[in-house]
Protein backbone atom coordinates (compact mmCIF):
# COMPACT_ATOMS: atom_id res chain seq x y z
CA MET A 1 -11.27 4.16 0.54
CA SER A 2 -9.69 1.34 2.56
CA TRP A 3 -7.60 2.09 5.61
CA LEU A 4 -5.41 0.45 8.20
CA ARG A 5 -4.05 1.93 11.44
CA PHE A 6 -1.40 0.25 13.55
CA SER A 7 0.88 1.28 16.39
CA PHE A 8 4.18 -0.08 17.58
CA ASN A 9 7.02 0.54 20.01
CA SER A 10 9.47 3.34 19.16
CA SER A 11 12.36 0.99 18.52
CA LEU A 12 14.39 0.87 15.32
CA ASP A 13 14.05 -2.93 15.53
CA GLU A 14 10.32 -2.56 14.86
CA ILE A 15 10.59 -0.64 11.57
CA PHE A 16 10.40 -3.88 9.60
CA LEU A 17 6.68 -3.96 10.51
CA VAL A 18 6.07 -0.74 8.58
CA SER A 19 8.00 -2.08 5.62
CA LEU A 20 6.03 -5.34 5.60
CA VAL A 21 2.63 -3.68 5.85
CA VAL A 22 3.26 -1.01 3.21
CA ASN A 23 4.87 -3.55 0.89
CA GLN A 24 1.88 -5.89 1.14
CA ILE A 25 -0.64 -3.10 0.56
CA CYS A 26 1.28 -1.99 -2.53
CA ASN A 27 1.44 -5.62 -3.68
CA HIS A 28 -2.31 -6.01 -3.14
CA MET A 29 -2.87 -2.85 -5.20
CA THR A 30 -0.63 -4.33 -7.95
CA LEU A 31 1.52 -1.20 -8.03
CA ASP A 32 4.60 -1.04 -10.19
CA GLU A 33 7.65 -2.38 -8.33
CA VAL A 34 9.54 0.93 -8.43
CA LEU A 35 6.53 2.94 -7.23
CA ALA A 36 5.86 0.45 -4.45
CA TYR A 37 9.50 0.67 -3.35
CA GLN A 38 9.37 4.48 -3.29
CA ILE A 39 6.24 4.48 -1.11
CA GLU A 40 7.70 1.87 1.22
CA LEU A 41 10.99 3.79 1.48
CA CYS A 42 9.17 7.03 2.35
CA ALA A 43 7.14 5.28 5.05
CA VAL A 44 10.30 3.78 6.54
CA GLU A 45 12.12 7.13 6.38
CA GLY A 46 9.23 8.90 8.12
CA VAL A 47 9.04 6.31 10.89
CA THR A 48 12.82 6.28 11.30
CA ASN A 49 12.79 10.06 11.75
CA ALA A 50 10.05 9.81 14.39
CA ILE A 51 12.02 7.24 16.36
CA ARG A 52 15.43 8.90 15.97
CA HIS A 53 14.46 12.53 16.36
CA ALA A 54 11.08 12.80 18.08
CA TYR A 55 11.88 10.09 20.61
CA ALA A 56 15.70 10.32 20.58
CA GLU A 57 15.81 6.54 19.94
CA GLN A 58 14.14 5.81 23.28
CA SER A 59 11.92 2.75 23.10
CA GLY A 60 8.71 2.51 25.12
CA ASN A 61 6.89 5.22 23.16
CA GLU A 62 4.16 4.79 20.59
CA VAL A 63 4.45 5.42 16.85
CA THR A 64 1.22 5.13 14.87
CA VAL A 65 0.87 4.70 11.11
CA LEU A 66 -2.40 5.25 9.27
CA ILE A 67 -2.57 4.10 5.66
CA ARG A 68 -5.51 5.05 3.43
CA PHE A 69 -5.67 3.81 -0.13
CA ASP A 70 -7.84 3.34 -3.17
CA GLU A 71 -7.22 3.05 -6.90
CA ALA A 72 -6.36 6.77 -7.18
CA ARG A 73 -4.02 7.40 -4.23
CA ILE A 74 -2.23 6.20 -1.15
CA ASP A 75 -2.00 8.39 1.95
CA LEU A 76 0.32 7.75 4.89
CA GLU A 77 0.16 9.44 8.27
CA ILE A 78 2.97 8.85 10.74
CA MET A 79 2.18 10.09 14.25
CA ASP A 80 4.18 10.41 17.44
CA ARG A 81 4.07 12.34 20.72
CA GLY A 82 7.76 13.21 20.90
CA THR A 83 9.74 16.33 20.13
CA ALA A 84 8.33 18.25 17.15
CA MET A 85 10.28 18.61 13.93
CA PRO A 86 12.26 21.88 13.83
CA PRO A 87 10.86 24.53 11.45
CA SER A 88 13.99 24.30 9.25
CA CYS A 89 13.31 20.59 8.68
CA VAL A 90 9.62 21.23 7.93
CA GLU A 91 10.77 23.80 5.35
CA ARG A 92 13.10 21.21 3.77
CA LEU A 93 10.28 18.67 3.63
CA ARG A 94 7.91 21.08 1.90
CA ASN A 95 10.29 22.86 -0.46
CA GLY A 96 13.24 20.53 -0.89
CA HIS A 97 16.90 21.19 -0.30
CA PRO A 98 20.02 20.60 -2.43
CA VAL A 99 21.30 17.97 0.02
CA PHE A 100 22.32 15.67 -2.84
CA ASP A 101 24.44 18.36 -4.53
CA PHE A 102 27.90 17.38 -3.30
CA ASP A 103 31.16 16.11 -4.71
CA PRO A 104 31.32 12.39 -3.74
CA ARG A 105 35.12 12.56 -3.87
CA ASP A 106 35.13 15.15 -1.07
CA MET A 107 34.35 13.17 2.09
CA ALA A 108 34.15 16.36 4.17
CA ALA A 109 31.35 17.63 1.93
CA LEU A 110 29.10 14.60 2.51
CA PRO A 111 25.87 15.72 4.18
CA GLU A 112 25.25 14.30 7.64
CA CYS A 113 21.48 14.68 7.67
CA GLY A 114 18.45 15.65 5.64
CA MET A 115 18.65 12.98 2.97
CA GLY A 116 15.53 11.17 4.19
CA LEU A 117 13.44 14.36 4.07
CA GLN A 118 14.69 15.06 0.55
CA ILE A 119 13.84 11.53 -0.59
CA ILE A 120 10.33 11.99 0.80
CA HIS A 121 10.03 15.43 -0.83
CA GLU A 122 11.06 14.07 -4.24
CA ALA A 123 9.14 10.77 -4.19
CA MET A 124 5.76 11.86 -2.81
CA ASP A 125 3.25 14.14 -4.50
CA GLU A 126 2.17 15.91 -1.31
CA THR A 127 3.87 16.28 2.05
CA ASN A 128 2.67 18.01 5.18
CA TYR A 129 3.75 18.12 8.79
CA THR A 130 1.81 19.38 11.78
CA SER A 131 2.35 19.41 15.50
CA ALA A 132 -0.71 20.17 17.60
CA GLU A 133 -1.97 19.19 21.04
CA GLY A 134 1.10 17.04 21.65
CA VAL A 135 0.76 14.99 18.45
CA ASN A 136 3.21 15.27 15.56
CA CYS A 137 1.86 14.09 12.22
CA LEU A 138 3.74 13.59 8.96
CA ARG A 139 1.27 13.24 6.07
CA LEU A 140 2.40 11.83 2.74
CA THR A 141 0.35 11.36 -0.42
CA LYS A 142 1.15 9.56 -3.63
CA ARG A 143 -1.33 9.93 -6.48
CA LEU A 144 -1.52 6.80 -8.59
CA ARG A 145 -1.56 7.28 -12.33
CA ARG A 146 -3.38 4.29 -13.67
């Protein structure tokens, strides 16, 4: 299994790095365009959540991404040392939530948060979140059906 680990500053301006790296790995693996986009989107959503919520959009902190991949699967780990994800959000990540069930004509009914977690829940085959010894880790797995 190949792997790559990289760290970057907790700034929303740096998220493009995650997108570039994941995109190029998926390209190297010759993944279907839609599948590659889903994996890239989930990585970006996970990193965005770390920066926005764990670090409250404060730059100067470290976000680390570990990508492991082979012909059968791709695993992403997104790590930070900020505020841990609330249990209700971990529950949404693991079990899903009807966040997309709303009437688009009713502007007051539009959800304000949780869409990223639901996208991750629906697109990835396995999701897990842990917070231990000051490190938060979002683990995402996509099994590749080749």
